[in-house]
């Protein structure tokens, strides 16, 4: 009987995914992420989707996590831009992760560059019209401030 219970425990543990991630969630740098390319949603709706799946829009903890997400997108040939869980809606220019209300790191290696008449400048640059954080396909999946009502794929994290 003990062997049967032990075997059942092993099967149950294996079914929860690599490193404890549930089915449909991917372990990237020790956190569980869900990429859903079947839908493109405005930022608020993407956040509700993630919350209904037991997580929230993703927080990029560090450069290794950012690189891991980029590698996943490249490895599986995903396309389109993706919402991350930060915005500056509360105070323009003060980017906050919704998951834990901490500040988003500014500058390199996260934020994209944009070309201007005066040369290259670092994002964010959208002012009050672009208040939600996206991994922008056109910017090689670096951070970009985008209009919250645009449709992007959600990346959820738990």
C-alpha atoms as a PDB file:
ATOM      1  CA  UNK A   1       0.000   0.000   0.000  1.00  0.00           C
ATOM      2  CA  UNK A   2       2.859   2.390   0.827  1.00  0.00           C
ATOM      3  CA  UNK A   3       4.323   1.808  -2.647  1.00  0.00           C
ATOM      4  CA  UNK A   4       1.015   2.669  -4.273  1.00  0.00           C
ATOM      5  CA  UNK A   5       0.737   5.919  -2.275  1.00  0.00           C
ATOM      6  CA  UNK A   6       4.371   6.769  -3.139  1.00  0.00           C
ATOM      7  CA  UNK A   7       3.756   6.085  -6.851  1.00  0.00           C
ATOM      8  CA  UNK A   8       0.606   8.230  -6.773  1.00  0.00           C
ATOM      9  CA  UNK A   9       2.547  11.099  -5.133  1.00  0.00           C
ATOM     10  CA  UNK A  10       5.220  10.923  -7.860  1.00  0.00           C
ATOM     11  CA  UNK A  11       2.618  10.986 -10.624  1.00  0.00           C
ATOM     12  CA  UNK A  12       0.847  13.925  -8.989  1.00  0.00           C
ATOM     13  CA  UNK A  13       4.102  15.868  -8.671  1.00  0.00           C
ATOM     14  CA  UNK A  14       5.070  15.160 -12.292  1.00  0.00           C
ATOM     15  CA  UNK A  15       1.698  16.423 -13.509  1.00  0.00           C
ATOM     16  CA  UNK A  16       2.260  19.864 -12.047  1.00  0.00           C
ATOM     17  CA  UNK A  17       4.917  20.708 -14.634  1.00  0.00           C
ATOM     18  CA  UNK A  18       8.606  21.523 -14.472  1.00  0.00           C
ATOM     19  CA  UNK A  19       9.743  23.210 -11.229  1.00  0.00           C
ATOM     20  CA  UNK A  20       6.179  23.277  -9.938  1.00  0.00           C
ATOM     21  CA  UNK A  21       4.574  25.134 -12.846  1.00  0.00           C
ATOM     22  CA  UNK A  22       1.069  24.012 -13.751  1.00  0.00           C
ATOM     23  CA  UNK A  23       0.268  22.613 -17.187  1.00  0.00           C
ATOM     24  CA  UNK A  24       0.288  25.395 -19.764  1.00  0.00           C
ATOM     25  CA  UNK A  25       2.731  27.454 -17.697  1.00  0.00           C
ATOM     26  CA  UNK A  26       6.465  27.616 -18.441  1.00  0.00           C
ATOM     27  CA  UNK A  27       9.314  27.882 -15.959  1.00  0.00           C
ATOM     28  CA  UNK A  28      11.570  30.806 -16.840  1.00  0.00           C
ATOM     29  CA  UNK A  29      14.261  31.668 -14.316  1.00  0.00           C
ATOM     30  CA  UNK A  30      12.303  30.069 -11.475  1.00  0.00           C
ATOM     31  CA  UNK A  31       8.938  31.763 -12.116  1.00  0.00           C
ATOM     32  CA  UNK A  32       5.926  30.402 -13.987  1.00  0.00           C
ATOM     33  CA  UNK A  33       4.753  32.205 -17.140  1.00  0.00           C
ATOM     34  CA  UNK A  34       1.808  31.643 -19.489  1.00  0.00           C
ATOM     35  CA  UNK A  35       1.991  32.945 -23.061  1.00  0.00           C
ATOM     36  CA  UNK A  36      -1.354  33.116 -24.855  1.00  0.00           C
ATOM     37  CA  UNK A  37      -1.097  34.036 -28.530  1.00  0.00           C
ATOM     38  CA  UNK A  38      -4.676  32.977 -29.278  1.00  0.00           C
ATOM     39  CA  UNK A  39      -5.962  36.403 -28.237  1.00  0.00           C
ATOM     40  CA  UNK A  40      -5.045  40.066 -28.443  1.00  0.00           C
ATOM     41  CA  UNK A  41      -6.570  42.155 -25.693  1.00  0.00           C
ATOM     42  CA  UNK A  42      -6.383  45.674 -24.287  1.00  0.00           C
ATOM     43  CA  UNK A  43      -4.133  45.871 -21.199  1.00  0.00           C
ATOM     44  CA  UNK A  44      -6.975  45.876 -18.619  1.00  0.00           C
ATOM     45  CA  UNK A  45      -8.626  42.830 -20.226  1.00  0.00           C
ATOM     46  CA  UNK A  46      -5.264  41.030 -20.457  1.00  0.00           C
ATOM     47  CA  UNK A  47      -4.783  41.608 -16.738  1.00  0.00           C
ATOM     48  CA  UNK A  48      -8.264  40.205 -15.971  1.00  0.00           C
ATOM     49  CA  UNK A  49      -7.425  37.165 -18.136  1.00  0.00           C
ATOM     50  CA  UNK A  50      -4.227  36.519 -16.172  1.00  0.00           C
ATOM     51  CA  UNK A  51      -5.976  36.983 -12.834  1.00  0.00           C
ATOM     52  CA  UNK A  52      -8.696  34.525 -13.888  1.00  0.00           C
ATOM     53  CA  UNK A  53      -5.890  32.016 -14.525  1.00  0.00           C
ATOM     54  CA  UNK A  54      -4.431  32.457 -11.039  1.00  0.00           C
ATOM     55  CA  UNK A  55      -1.699  34.969 -11.900  1.00  0.00           C
ATOM     56  CA  UNK A  56      -1.202  38.523 -13.061  1.00  0.00           C
ATOM     57  CA  UNK A  57       0.416  40.193 -16.027  1.00  0.00           C
ATOM     58  CA  UNK A  58       4.114  39.357 -15.933  1.00  0.00           C
ATOM     59  CA  UNK A  59       6.776  41.267 -14.059  1.00  0.00           C
ATOM     60  CA  UNK A  60      10.298  41.189 -15.499  1.00  0.00           C
ATOM     61  CA  UNK A  61      12.372  40.737 -12.350  1.00  0.00           C
ATOM     62  CA  UNK A  62      15.815  41.106 -13.913  1.00  0.00           C
ATOM     63  CA  UNK A  63      17.817  40.891 -17.129  1.00  0.00           C
ATOM     64  CA  UNK A  64      17.934  37.094 -16.988  1.00  0.00           C
ATOM     65  CA  UNK A  65      14.149  36.913 -16.866  1.00  0.00           C
ATOM     66  CA  UNK A  66      13.887  39.364 -19.778  1.00  0.00           C
ATOM     67  CA  UNK A  67      16.332  37.240 -21.788  1.00  0.00           C
ATOM     68  CA  UNK A  68      14.471  34.043 -20.836  1.00  0.00           C
ATOM     69  CA  UNK A  69      11.175  35.469 -22.073  1.00  0.00           C
ATOM     70  CA  UNK A  70      12.859  36.609 -25.310  1.00  0.00           C
ATOM     71  CA  UNK A  71      14.400  33.143 -25.795  1.00  0.00           C
ATOM     72  CA  UNK A  72      11.014  31.498 -25.269  1.00  0.00           C
ATOM     73  CA  UNK A  73       9.388  33.787 -27.853  1.00  0.00           C
ATOM     74  CA  UNK A  74      12.197  33.074 -30.349  1.00  0.00           C
ATOM     75  CA  UNK A  75      12.396  29.315 -29.682  1.00  0.00           C
ATOM     76  CA  UNK A  76       8.669  28.777 -30.224  1.00  0.00           C
ATOM     77  CA  UNK A  77       8.332  31.263 -33.092  1.00  0.00           C
ATOM     78  CA  UNK A  78       5.774  33.436 -31.324  1.00  0.00           C
ATOM     79  CA  UNK A  79       4.855  36.703 -32.976  1.00  0.00           C
ATOM     80  CA  UNK A  80       3.134  39.913 -32.043  1.00  0.00           C
ATOM     81  CA  UNK A  81       3.650  42.216 -29.101  1.00  0.00           C
ATOM     82  CA  UNK A  82       2.922  41.166 -25.512  1.00  0.00           C
ATOM     83  CA  UNK A  83       1.562  42.991 -22.483  1.00  0.00           C
ATOM     84  CA  UNK A  84       3.580  43.103 -19.284  1.00  0.00           C
ATOM     85  CA  UNK A  85       2.131  44.088 -15.916  1.00  0.00           C
ATOM     86  CA  UNK A  86       3.256  47.681 -15.476  1.00  0.00           C
ATOM     87  CA  UNK A  87       1.874  51.112 -16.219  1.00  0.00           C
ATOM     88  CA  UNK A  88       2.304  54.776 -15.423  1.00  0.00           C
ATOM     89  CA  UNK A  89      -1.445  55.513 -15.335  1.00  0.00           C
ATOM     90  CA  UNK A  90      -1.351  56.711 -11.710  1.00  0.00           C
ATOM     91  CA  UNK A  91       1.470  59.221 -12.284  1.00  0.00           C
ATOM     92  CA  UNK A  92       2.943  60.006 -15.695  1.00  0.00           C
ATOM     93  CA  UNK A  93       6.518  58.758 -15.964  1.00  0.00           C
ATOM     94  CA  UNK A  94       6.375  56.723 -12.736  1.00  0.00           C
ATOM     95  CA  UNK A  95       6.249  53.143 -14.031  1.00  0.00           C
ATOM     96  CA  UNK A  96       4.887  50.689 -11.452  1.00  0.00           C
ATOM     97  CA  UNK A  97       4.514  46.887 -11.560  1.00  0.00           C
ATOM     98  CA  UNK A  98       0.851  46.103 -10.827  1.00  0.00           C
ATOM     99  CA  UNK A  99       1.727  42.775  -9.171  1.00  0.00           C
ATOM    100  CA  UNK A 100       3.560  44.276  -6.187  1.00  0.00           C
ATOM    101  CA  UNK A 101       3.559  48.067  -6.727  1.00  0.00           C
ATOM    102  CA  UNK A 102       7.351  48.273  -7.132  1.00  0.00           C
ATOM    103  CA  UNK A 103       9.011  50.582  -9.658  1.00  0.00           C
ATOM    104  CA  UNK A 104      10.052  49.407 -13.115  1.00  0.00           C
ATOM    105  CA  UNK A 105      13.795  49.716 -13.809  1.00  0.00           C
ATOM    106  CA  UNK A 106      14.534  52.392 -16.377  1.00  0.00           C
ATOM    107  CA  UNK A 107      17.079  52.379 -19.178  1.00  0.00           C
ATOM    108  CA  UNK A 108      19.234  49.600 -20.526  1.00  0.00           C
ATOM    109  CA  UNK A 109      18.886  46.607 -20.789  1.00  0.00           C
ATOM    110  CA  UNK A 110      15.100  46.767 -20.687  1.00  0.00           C
ATOM    111  CA  UNK A 111      13.722  49.750 -22.594  1.00  0.00           C
ATOM    112  CA  UNK A 112      13.830  50.044 -26.381  1.00  0.00           C
ATOM    113  CA  UNK A 113      15.562  52.797 -28.294  1.00  0.00           C
ATOM    114  CA  UNK A 114      13.719  54.992 -30.768  1.00  0.00           C
ATOM    115  CA  UNK A 115      15.171  56.957 -33.626  1.00  0.00           C
ATOM    116  CA  UNK A 116      14.586  60.702 -33.658  1.00  0.00           C
ATOM    117  CA  UNK A 117      15.861  63.623 -35.688  1.00  0.00           C
ATOM    118  CA  UNK A 118      18.435  64.194 -32.952  1.00  0.00           C
ATOM    119  CA  UNK A 119      19.561  60.549 -32.820  1.00  0.00           C
ATOM    120  CA  UNK A 120      18.464  57.701 -30.606  1.00  0.00           C
ATOM    121  CA  UNK A 121      16.514  58.174 -27.396  1.00  0.00           C
ATOM    122  CA  UNK A 122      15.446  55.659 -24.780  1.00  0.00           C
ATOM    123  CA  UNK A 123      11.796  54.751 -24.289  1.00  0.00           C
ATOM    124  CA  UNK A 124       9.380  55.489 -22.635  1.00  0.00           C
ATOM    125  CA  UNK A 125       8.345  58.383 -24.825  1.00  0.00           C
ATOM    126  CA  UNK A 126       4.566  58.250 -25.274  1.00  0.00           C
ATOM    127  CA  UNK A 127       3.542  60.715 -22.612  1.00  0.00           C
ATOM    128  CA  UNK A 128      -0.056  60.544 -21.401  1.00  0.00           C
ATOM    129  CA  UNK A 129      -1.181  58.651 -24.532  1.00  0.00           C
ATOM    130  CA  UNK A 130       0.967  55.549 -23.878  1.00  0.00           C
ATOM    131  CA  UNK A 131       0.636  54.298 -20.310  1.00  0.00           C
ATOM    132  CA  UNK A 132       0.959  50.506 -20.464  1.00  0.00           C
ATOM    133  CA  UNK A 133       4.086  48.373 -20.760  1.00  0.00           C
ATOM    134  CA  UNK A 134       4.550  46.079 -23.746  1.00  0.00           C
ATOM    135  CA  UNK A 135       7.242  43.809 -25.091  1.00  0.00           C
ATOM    136  CA  UNK A 136       7.188  45.276 -28.577  1.00  0.00           C
ATOM    137  CA  UNK A 137       7.753  42.932 -31.514  1.00  0.00           C
ATOM    138  CA  UNK A 138       8.927  45.843 -33.689  1.00  0.00           C
ATOM    139  CA  UNK A 139      11.491  46.749 -31.016  1.00  0.00           C
ATOM    140  CA  UNK A 140      12.939  43.215 -30.733  1.00  0.00           C
ATOM    141  CA  UNK A 141      10.923  42.609 -27.554  1.00  0.00           C
ATOM    142  CA  UNK A 142      12.409  45.410 -25.509  1.00  0.00           C
ATOM    143  CA  UNK A 143      10.080  47.436 -23.286  1.00  0.00           C
ATOM    144  CA  UNK A 144       7.911  50.051 -24.948  1.00  0.00           C
ATOM    145  CA  UNK A 145       5.196  52.266 -23.568  1.00  0.00           C
ATOM    146  CA  UNK A 146       2.038  51.689 -25.564  1.00  0.00           C
ATOM    147  CA  UNK A 147      -1.582  52.822 -25.642  1.00  0.00           C
ATOM    148  CA  UNK A 148      -3.470  50.641 -23.155  1.00  0.00           C
ATOM    149  CA  UNK A 149      -6.421  50.102 -25.512  1.00  0.00           C
ATOM    150  CA  UNK A 150      -4.307  48.359 -28.166  1.00  0.00           C
ATOM    151  CA  UNK A 151      -4.628  44.598 -28.522  1.00  0.00           C
ATOM    152  CA  UNK A 152      -1.540  42.596 -27.507  1.00  0.00           C
ATOM    153  CA  UNK A 153      -1.057  39.033 -26.276  1.00  0.00           C
ATOM    154  CA  UNK A 154      -0.922  38.570 -22.507  1.00  0.00           C
ATOM    155  CA  UNK A 155       2.084  37.132 -20.700  1.00  0.00           C
ATOM    156  CA  UNK A 156       0.865  35.963 -17.316  1.00  0.00           C
ATOM    157  CA  UNK A 157       3.022  35.150 -14.296  1.00  0.00           C
ATOM    158  CA  UNK A 158       2.458  33.382 -11.008  1.00  0.00           C
END
